[in-house]
C-alpha atoms as a PDB file:
ATOM      1  CA  UNK A   1     -48.356 238.632   0.504  1.00  0.00           C
ATOM      2  CA  UNK A   2     -45.605 237.981  -1.904  1.00  0.00           C
ATOM      3  CA  UNK A   3     -42.620 240.592  -2.407  1.00  0.00           C
ATOM      4  CA  UNK A   4     -43.510 243.299  -4.837  1.00  0.00           C
ATOM      5  CA  UNK A   5     -40.846 243.376  -7.523  1.00  0.00           C
ATOM      6  CA  UNK A   6     -39.664 246.864  -8.278  1.00  0.00           C
ATOM      7  CA  UNK A   7     -38.511 247.242 -12.212  1.00  0.00           C
ATOM      8  CA  UNK A   8     -37.275 250.048 -14.031  1.00  0.00           C
ATOM      9  CA  UNK A   9     -37.925 250.432 -17.874  1.00  0.00           C
ATOM     10  CA  UNK A  10     -34.859 251.345 -20.323  1.00  0.00           C
ATOM     11  CA  UNK A  11     -35.846 252.594 -23.902  1.00  0.00           C
ATOM     12  CA  UNK A  12     -35.489 255.133 -25.846  1.00  0.00           C
ATOM     13  CA  UNK A  13     -38.482 254.771 -27.792  1.00  0.00           C
ATOM     14  CA  UNK A  14     -41.544 256.361 -25.625  1.00  0.00           C
ATOM     15  CA  UNK A  15     -44.192 253.951 -27.170  1.00  0.00           C
ATOM     16  CA  UNK A  16     -42.260 250.974 -25.925  1.00  0.00           C
ATOM     17  CA  UNK A  17     -41.709 252.172 -22.670  1.00  0.00           C
ATOM     18  CA  UNK A  18     -45.639 253.191 -22.025  1.00  0.00           C
ATOM     19  CA  UNK A  19     -46.567 250.133 -23.594  1.00  0.00           C
ATOM     20  CA  UNK A  20     -44.507 247.664 -21.106  1.00  0.00           C
ATOM     21  CA  UNK A  21     -45.084 250.156 -18.415  1.00  0.00           C
ATOM     22  CA  UNK A  22     -49.014 249.384 -19.248  1.00  0.00           C
ATOM     23  CA  UNK A  23     -48.904 245.676 -19.148  1.00  0.00           C
ATOM     24  CA  UNK A  24     -47.083 245.897 -15.737  1.00  0.00           C
ATOM     25  CA  UNK A  25     -49.258 248.404 -13.801  1.00  0.00           C
ATOM     26  CA  UNK A  26     -52.029 246.246 -13.978  1.00  0.00           C
ATOM     27  CA  UNK A  27     -50.148 243.016 -12.351  1.00  0.00           C
ATOM     28  CA  UNK A  28     -49.904 242.413  -8.878  1.00  0.00           C
ATOM     29  CA  UNK A  29     -46.408 242.273  -7.280  1.00  0.00           C
ATOM     30  CA  UNK A  30     -44.737 244.434  -9.797  1.00  0.00           C
ATOM     31  CA  UNK A  31     -43.955 247.982  -9.166  1.00  0.00           C
ATOM     32  CA  UNK A  32     -42.338 250.216 -11.863  1.00  0.00           C
ATOM     33  CA  UNK A  33     -40.612 252.507 -10.147  1.00  0.00           C
ATOM     34  CA  UNK A  34     -38.692 254.420 -12.904  1.00  0.00           C
ATOM     35  CA  UNK A  35     -38.315 254.897 -17.136  1.00  0.00           C
ATOM     36  CA  UNK A  36     -35.367 256.122 -18.613  1.00  0.00           C
ATOM     37  CA  UNK A  37     -34.937 256.967 -22.279  1.00  0.00           C
ATOM     38  CA  UNK A  38     -31.244 256.863 -22.263  1.00  0.00           C
ATOM     39  CA  UNK A  39     -27.911 254.523 -20.663  1.00  0.00           C
ATOM     40  CA  UNK A  40     -27.402 258.190 -18.657  1.00  0.00           C
ATOM     41  CA  UNK A  41     -30.621 258.553 -17.110  1.00  0.00           C
ATOM     42  CA  UNK A  42     -30.722 254.906 -16.204  1.00  0.00           C
ATOM     43  CA  UNK A  43     -27.695 255.451 -14.308  1.00  0.00           C
ATOM     44  CA  UNK A  44     -28.460 258.587 -12.908  1.00  0.00           C
ATOM     45  CA  UNK A  45     -32.093 257.128 -11.682  1.00  0.00           C
ATOM     46  CA  UNK A  46     -30.609 253.937 -10.444  1.00  0.00           C
ATOM     47  CA  UNK A  47     -29.662 255.258  -6.919  1.00  0.00           C
ATOM     48  CA  UNK A  48     -33.234 256.837  -6.145  1.00  0.00           C
ATOM     49  CA  UNK A  49     -35.339 254.090  -7.902  1.00  0.00           C
ATOM     50  CA  UNK A  50     -33.050 250.903  -6.346  1.00  0.00           C
ATOM     51  CA  UNK A  51     -35.106 248.539  -9.189  1.00  0.00           C
ATOM     52  CA  UNK A  52     -34.831 244.919  -8.577  1.00  0.00           C
ATOM     53  CA  UNK A  53     -35.147 244.043 -11.768  1.00  0.00           C
ATOM     54  CA  UNK A  54     -34.045 246.651 -14.888  1.00  0.00           C
ATOM     55  CA  UNK A  55     -35.902 245.583 -18.418  1.00  0.00           C
ATOM     56  CA  UNK A  56     -33.185 247.120 -20.582  1.00  0.00           C
ATOM     57  CA  UNK A  57     -32.984 248.138 -24.535  1.00  0.00           C
ATOM     58  CA  UNK A  58     -30.144 246.643 -25.921  1.00  0.00           C
ATOM     59  CA  UNK A  59     -30.075 249.469 -28.849  1.00  0.00           C
ATOM     60  CA  UNK A  60     -29.912 252.869 -27.681  1.00  0.00           C
ATOM     61  CA  UNK A  61     -28.327 256.131 -28.929  1.00  0.00           C
ATOM     62  CA  UNK A  62     -24.781 256.499 -26.941  1.00  0.00           C
ATOM     63  CA  UNK A  63     -24.356 254.248 -24.426  1.00  0.00           C
ATOM     64  CA  UNK A  64     -26.039 250.993 -25.372  1.00  0.00           C
ATOM     65  CA  UNK A  65     -27.584 248.145 -23.388  1.00  0.00           C
ATOM     66  CA  UNK A  66     -24.569 245.944 -23.260  1.00  0.00           C
ATOM     67  CA  UNK A  67     -22.405 248.510 -21.911  1.00  0.00           C
ATOM     68  CA  UNK A  68     -25.103 250.146 -19.533  1.00  0.00           C
ATOM     69  CA  UNK A  69     -25.701 246.599 -18.216  1.00  0.00           C
ATOM     70  CA  UNK A  70     -22.289 246.290 -17.201  1.00  0.00           C
ATOM     71  CA  UNK A  71     -22.248 249.478 -15.776  1.00  0.00           C
ATOM     72  CA  UNK A  72     -25.318 248.737 -13.489  1.00  0.00           C
ATOM     73  CA  UNK A  73     -23.718 245.214 -12.387  1.00  0.00           C
ATOM     74  CA  UNK A  74     -20.810 246.704 -11.555  1.00  0.00           C
ATOM     75  CA  UNK A  75     -22.051 249.133  -8.886  1.00  0.00           C
ATOM     76  CA  UNK A  76     -25.168 247.410  -8.136  1.00  0.00           C
ATOM     77  CA  UNK A  77     -24.424 243.603  -8.832  1.00  0.00           C
ATOM     78  CA  UNK A  78     -27.350 242.728  -7.151  1.00  0.00           C
ATOM     79  CA  UNK A  79     -29.938 244.128  -9.655  1.00  0.00           C
ATOM     80  CA  UNK A  80     -30.795 241.853 -12.027  1.00  0.00           C
ATOM     81  CA  UNK A  81     -31.118 243.219 -15.870  1.00  0.00           C
ATOM     82  CA  UNK A  82     -32.859 241.796 -18.417  1.00  0.00           C
ATOM     83  CA  UNK A  83     -32.025 242.821 -22.270  1.00  0.00           C
ATOM     84  CA  UNK A  84     -35.026 243.503 -24.606  1.00  0.00           C
ATOM     85  CA  UNK A  85     -33.965 243.132 -28.432  1.00  0.00           C
ATOM     86  CA  UNK A  86     -34.921 242.566 -32.166  1.00  0.00           C
ATOM     87  CA  UNK A  87     -31.377 241.033 -32.403  1.00  0.00           C
ATOM     88  CA  UNK A  88     -30.815 236.980 -32.061  1.00  0.00           C
ATOM     89  CA  UNK A  89     -26.991 237.408 -33.283  1.00  0.00           C
ATOM     90  CA  UNK A  90     -24.915 235.705 -31.596  1.00  0.00           C
ATOM     91  CA  UNK A  91     -22.512 238.541 -31.058  1.00  0.00           C
ATOM     92  CA  UNK A  92     -24.905 240.065 -29.396  1.00  0.00           C
ATOM     93  CA  UNK A  93     -25.982 237.479 -26.601  1.00  0.00           C
ATOM     94  CA  UNK A  94     -22.890 236.620 -26.044  1.00  0.00           C
ATOM     95  CA  UNK A  95     -21.547 240.047 -25.319  1.00  0.00           C
ATOM     96  CA  UNK A  96     -24.590 240.500 -23.235  1.00  0.00           C
ATOM     97  CA  UNK A  97     -23.873 237.235 -20.955  1.00  0.00           C
ATOM     98  CA  UNK A  98     -20.546 238.395 -20.376  1.00  0.00           C
ATOM     99  CA  UNK A  99     -21.465 241.927 -19.623  1.00  0.00           C
ATOM    100  CA  UNK A 100     -23.429 240.072 -16.503  1.00  0.00           C
ATOM    101  CA  UNK A 101     -26.967 240.230 -18.056  1.00  0.00           C
ATOM    102  CA  UNK A 102     -29.634 237.916 -16.415  1.00  0.00           C
ATOM    103  CA  UNK A 103     -32.048 237.575 -19.403  1.00  0.00           C
ATOM    104  CA  UNK A 104     -31.899 238.015 -22.727  1.00  0.00           C
ATOM    105  CA  UNK A 105     -35.143 238.262 -24.693  1.00  0.00           C
ATOM    106  CA  UNK A 106     -36.718 239.105 -27.816  1.00  0.00           C
ATOM    107  CA  UNK A 107     -39.129 241.803 -28.019  1.00  0.00           C
ATOM    108  CA  UNK A 108     -41.934 239.886 -29.813  1.00  0.00           C
ATOM    109  CA  UNK A 109     -42.260 237.756 -26.424  1.00  0.00           C
ATOM    110  CA  UNK A 110     -45.813 237.236 -25.066  1.00  0.00           C
ATOM    111  CA  UNK A 111     -47.171 239.366 -22.438  1.00  0.00           C
ATOM    112  CA  UNK A 112     -47.502 236.274 -20.449  1.00  0.00           C
ATOM    113  CA  UNK A 113     -44.108 234.781 -20.624  1.00  0.00           C
ATOM    114  CA  UNK A 114     -42.384 238.392 -19.903  1.00  0.00           C
ATOM    115  CA  UNK A 115     -44.027 238.210 -16.648  1.00  0.00           C
ATOM    116  CA  UNK A 116     -43.002 234.772 -16.115  1.00  0.00           C
ATOM    117  CA  UNK A 117     -39.723 236.076 -17.549  1.00  0.00           C
ATOM    118  CA  UNK A 118     -39.397 239.084 -14.676  1.00  0.00           C
ATOM    119  CA  UNK A 119     -40.153 236.224 -11.969  1.00  0.00           C
ATOM    120  CA  UNK A 120     -38.211 234.100 -12.627  1.00  0.00           C
ATOM    121  CA  UNK A 121     -35.072 236.145 -13.206  1.00  0.00           C
ATOM    122  CA  UNK A 122     -36.061 238.382  -9.826  1.00  0.00           C
ATOM    123  CA  UNK A 123     -35.687 234.813  -8.041  1.00  0.00           C
ATOM    124  CA  UNK A 124     -32.320 233.927  -9.841  1.00  0.00           C
ATOM    125  CA  UNK A 125     -33.404 231.830 -12.637  1.00  0.00           C
ATOM    126  CA  UNK A 126     -31.324 233.281 -15.816  1.00  0.00           C
ATOM    127  CA  UNK A 127     -33.130 233.281 -19.099  1.00  0.00           C
ATOM    128  CA  UNK A 128     -32.167 233.151 -22.792  1.00  0.00           C
ATOM    129  CA  UNK A 129     -34.817 233.486 -25.115  1.00  0.00           C
ATOM    130  CA  UNK A 130     -35.547 229.866 -26.441  1.00  0.00           C
ATOM    131  CA  UNK A 131     -35.513 231.384 -30.601  1.00  0.00           C
ATOM    132  CA  UNK A 132     -31.703 232.764 -29.477  1.00  0.00           C
ATOM    133  CA  UNK A 133     -31.165 229.417 -27.713  1.00  0.00           C
ATOM    134  CA  UNK A 134     -31.972 226.987 -30.853  1.00  0.00           C
ATOM    135  CA  UNK A 135     -30.036 229.306 -33.035  1.00  0.00           C
ATOM    136  CA  UNK A 136     -26.768 228.970 -30.706  1.00  0.00           C
ATOM    137  CA  UNK A 137     -27.279 225.001 -30.635  1.00  0.00           C
ATOM    138  CA  UNK A 138     -27.577 224.905 -34.456  1.00  0.00           C
ATOM    139  CA  UNK A 139     -24.765 227.327 -34.569  1.00  0.00           C
ATOM    140  CA  UNK A 140     -22.299 225.225 -32.678  1.00  0.00           C
ATOM    141  CA  UNK A 141     -23.850 221.759 -34.152  1.00  0.00           C
ATOM    142  CA  UNK A 142     -22.930 223.080 -37.494  1.00  0.00           C
ATOM    143  CA  UNK A 143     -19.361 224.098 -36.596  1.00  0.00           C
ATOM    144  CA  UNK A 144     -18.890 220.832 -35.241  1.00  0.00           C
ATOM    145  CA  UNK A 145     -19.352 219.332 -38.693  1.00  0.00           C
ATOM    146  CA  UNK A 146     -17.361 221.883 -40.470  1.00  0.00           C
ATOM    147  CA  UNK A 147     -13.768 221.446 -41.419  1.00  0.00           C
ATOM    148  CA  UNK A 148     -11.218 220.867 -38.608  1.00  0.00           C
ATOM    149  CA  UNK A 149      -9.680 223.608 -37.180  1.00  0.00           C
ATOM    150  CA  UNK A 150      -5.998 223.803 -37.540  1.00  0.00           C
ATOM    151  CA  UNK A 151      -4.023 221.871 -34.491  1.00  0.00           C
ATOM    152  CA  UNK A 152      -2.366 225.674 -33.598  1.00  0.00           C
ATOM    153  CA  UNK A 153      -3.972 228.231 -32.852  1.00  0.00           C
ATOM    154  CA  UNK A 154      -3.968 231.355 -35.325  1.00  0.00           C
ATOM    155  CA  UNK A 155      -1.431 233.779 -35.143  1.00  0.00           C
ATOM    156  CA  UNK A 156      -3.060 237.075 -34.714  1.00  0.00           C
ATOM    157  CA  UNK A 157      -1.360 240.671 -34.759  1.00  0.00           C
ATOM    158  CA  UNK A 158      -1.916 242.501 -31.906  1.00  0.00           C
ATOM    159  CA  UNK A 159      -4.173 245.069 -34.085  1.00  0.00           C
ATOM    160  CA  UNK A 160      -5.977 242.240 -34.900  1.00  0.00           C
ATOM    161  CA  UNK A 161      -6.625 240.820 -31.580  1.00  0.00           C
ATOM    162  CA  UNK A 162      -7.372 244.293 -30.484  1.00  0.00           C
ATOM    163  CA  UNK A 163     -10.209 244.687 -32.898  1.00  0.00           C
ATOM    164  CA  UNK A 164     -11.337 240.842 -32.605  1.00  0.00           C
ATOM    165  CA  UNK A 165     -12.127 241.619 -28.849  1.00  0.00           C
ATOM    166  CA  UNK A 166     -14.350 244.611 -29.736  1.00  0.00           C
ATOM    167  CA  UNK A 167     -15.833 242.396 -32.150  1.00  0.00           C
ATOM    168  CA  UNK A 168     -16.719 239.722 -29.264  1.00  0.00           C
ATOM    169  CA  UNK A 169     -17.955 242.796 -27.435  1.00  0.00           C
ATOM    170  CA  UNK A 170     -20.427 242.785 -29.831  1.00  0.00           C
ATOM    171  CA  UNK A 171     -19.359 246.459 -31.198  1.00  0.00           C
ATOM    172  CA  UNK A 172     -20.491 247.478 -34.898  1.00  0.00           C
ATOM    173  CA  UNK A 173     -17.229 248.416 -37.449  1.00  0.00           C
ATOM    174  CA  UNK A 174     -17.995 251.885 -36.760  1.00  0.00           C
ATOM    175  CA  UNK A 175     -17.488 251.818 -33.064  1.00  0.00           C
ATOM    176  CA  UNK A 176     -14.461 249.583 -33.409  1.00  0.00           C
ATOM    177  CA  UNK A 177     -12.992 252.301 -35.621  1.00  0.00           C
ATOM    178  CA  UNK A 178     -13.746 254.868 -33.071  1.00  0.00           C
ATOM    179  CA  UNK A 179     -12.040 253.118 -30.615  1.00  0.00           C
ATOM    180  CA  UNK A 180      -8.904 252.303 -31.988  1.00  0.00           C
ATOM    181  CA  UNK A 181      -8.511 255.683 -34.046  1.00  0.00           C
ATOM    182  CA  UNK A 182      -8.764 253.705 -37.501  1.00  0.00           C
ATOM    183  CA  UNK A 183     -11.291 254.698 -40.378  1.00  0.00           C
ATOM    184  CA  UNK A 184     -13.904 251.976 -40.970  1.00  0.00           C
ATOM    185  CA  UNK A 185     -12.470 250.730 -44.410  1.00  0.00           C
ATOM    186  CA  UNK A 186      -9.044 249.939 -42.357  1.00  0.00           C
ATOM    187  CA  UNK A 187     -11.425 247.759 -40.318  1.00  0.00           C
ATOM    188  CA  UNK A 188     -13.192 245.967 -42.601  1.00  0.00           C
ATOM    189  CA  UNK A 189      -9.748 245.252 -44.073  1.00  0.00           C
ATOM    190  CA  UNK A 190      -8.411 243.598 -40.755  1.00  0.00           C
ATOM    191  CA  UNK A 191     -11.453 241.769 -40.227  1.00  0.00           C
ATOM    192  CA  UNK A 192     -11.468 240.136 -43.982  1.00  0.00           C
ATOM    193  CA  UNK A 193      -7.699 239.050 -42.521  1.00  0.00           C
ATOM    194  CA  UNK A 194      -8.769 237.939 -39.205  1.00  0.00           C
ATOM    195  CA  UNK A 195     -11.921 236.162 -40.752  1.00  0.00           C
ATOM    196  CA  UNK A 196      -9.051 234.230 -43.293  1.00  0.00           C
ATOM    197  CA  UNK A 197      -6.950 233.329 -40.233  1.00  0.00           C
ATOM    198  CA  UNK A 198      -9.553 231.696 -38.272  1.00  0.00           C
ATOM    199  CA  UNK A 199     -11.135 229.763 -40.994  1.00  0.00           C
ATOM    200  CA  UNK A 200     -14.454 231.858 -40.775  1.00  0.00           C
ATOM    201  CA  UNK A 201     -16.825 233.424 -43.186  1.00  0.00           C
ATOM    202  CA  UNK A 202     -18.431 236.043 -40.746  1.00  0.00           C
ATOM    203  CA  UNK A 203     -18.722 238.162 -37.614  1.00  0.00           C
ATOM    204  CA  UNK A 204     -20.795 235.345 -35.419  1.00  0.00           C
ATOM    205  CA  UNK A 205     -18.350 232.572 -36.861  1.00  0.00           C
ATOM    206  CA  UNK A 206     -15.206 234.626 -35.587  1.00  0.00           C
ATOM    207  CA  UNK A 207     -16.927 235.446 -32.047  1.00  0.00           C
ATOM    208  CA  UNK A 208     -17.655 232.052 -31.606  1.00  0.00           C
ATOM    209  CA  UNK A 209     -14.113 230.936 -32.576  1.00  0.00           C
ATOM    210  CA  UNK A 210     -12.503 233.470 -30.367  1.00  0.00           C
ATOM    211  CA  UNK A 211     -14.565 232.220 -27.280  1.00  0.00           C
ATOM    212  CA  UNK A 212     -14.158 228.827 -27.613  1.00  0.00           C
ATOM    213  CA  UNK A 213     -10.454 228.519 -28.410  1.00  0.00           C
ATOM    214  CA  UNK A 214     -10.010 231.183 -25.745  1.00  0.00           C
ATOM    215  CA  UNK A 215      -8.213 233.564 -28.785  1.00  0.00           C
ATOM    216  CA  UNK A 216      -9.632 236.629 -26.493  1.00  0.00           C
ATOM    217  CA  UNK A 217      -9.637 236.964 -23.240  1.00  0.00           C
ATOM    218  CA  UNK A 218     -12.555 239.756 -21.778  1.00  0.00           C
ATOM    219  CA  UNK A 219     -12.994 240.988 -18.472  1.00  0.00           C
ATOM    220  CA  UNK A 220     -16.736 242.198 -17.409  1.00  0.00           C
END
């Protein structure tokens, strides 16, 4: 008999948790051992539930799924985390990978595909939703045909580097403002200057350049 996969479902929407649980409960080889509606509840239940795989909502009130993934992986590195989200933005994907996530799945995934993904991730096969992968490839290819980057690395101030690092981590302007004790309007001004120095037009492009050019160095 195949090993049973112990799954925890983390989502702040009850109807989403119940829907996923109903799907998994009828599957052989999968046991839903816990549910959580927040990051704190997830972390509090980890020790007792001891899941093999955590299905984690990316956007939750308070501590989001990306930071929760980082915390889970730090204490329970053997646990697999699959982020479920409606967002296919590059910055979220990059921040999720850096947090240690084993899977990045859009919520419109078909039921059968989700089951295959859970089994695959449990068997140490990382997964990124094909829609997201195509978008990343297209973005990188487009950047290759864009104007050439300057030969020297753009010079950013310490404050700009700090803000750019938070941007790459997937934080919103409001979250960045709270982190560095500045107003959201001031953050917008800094971002405008950062975009100009990097030769980009938006957050996704800035995050990509920051990582590709190793302008920021993130630690998991």
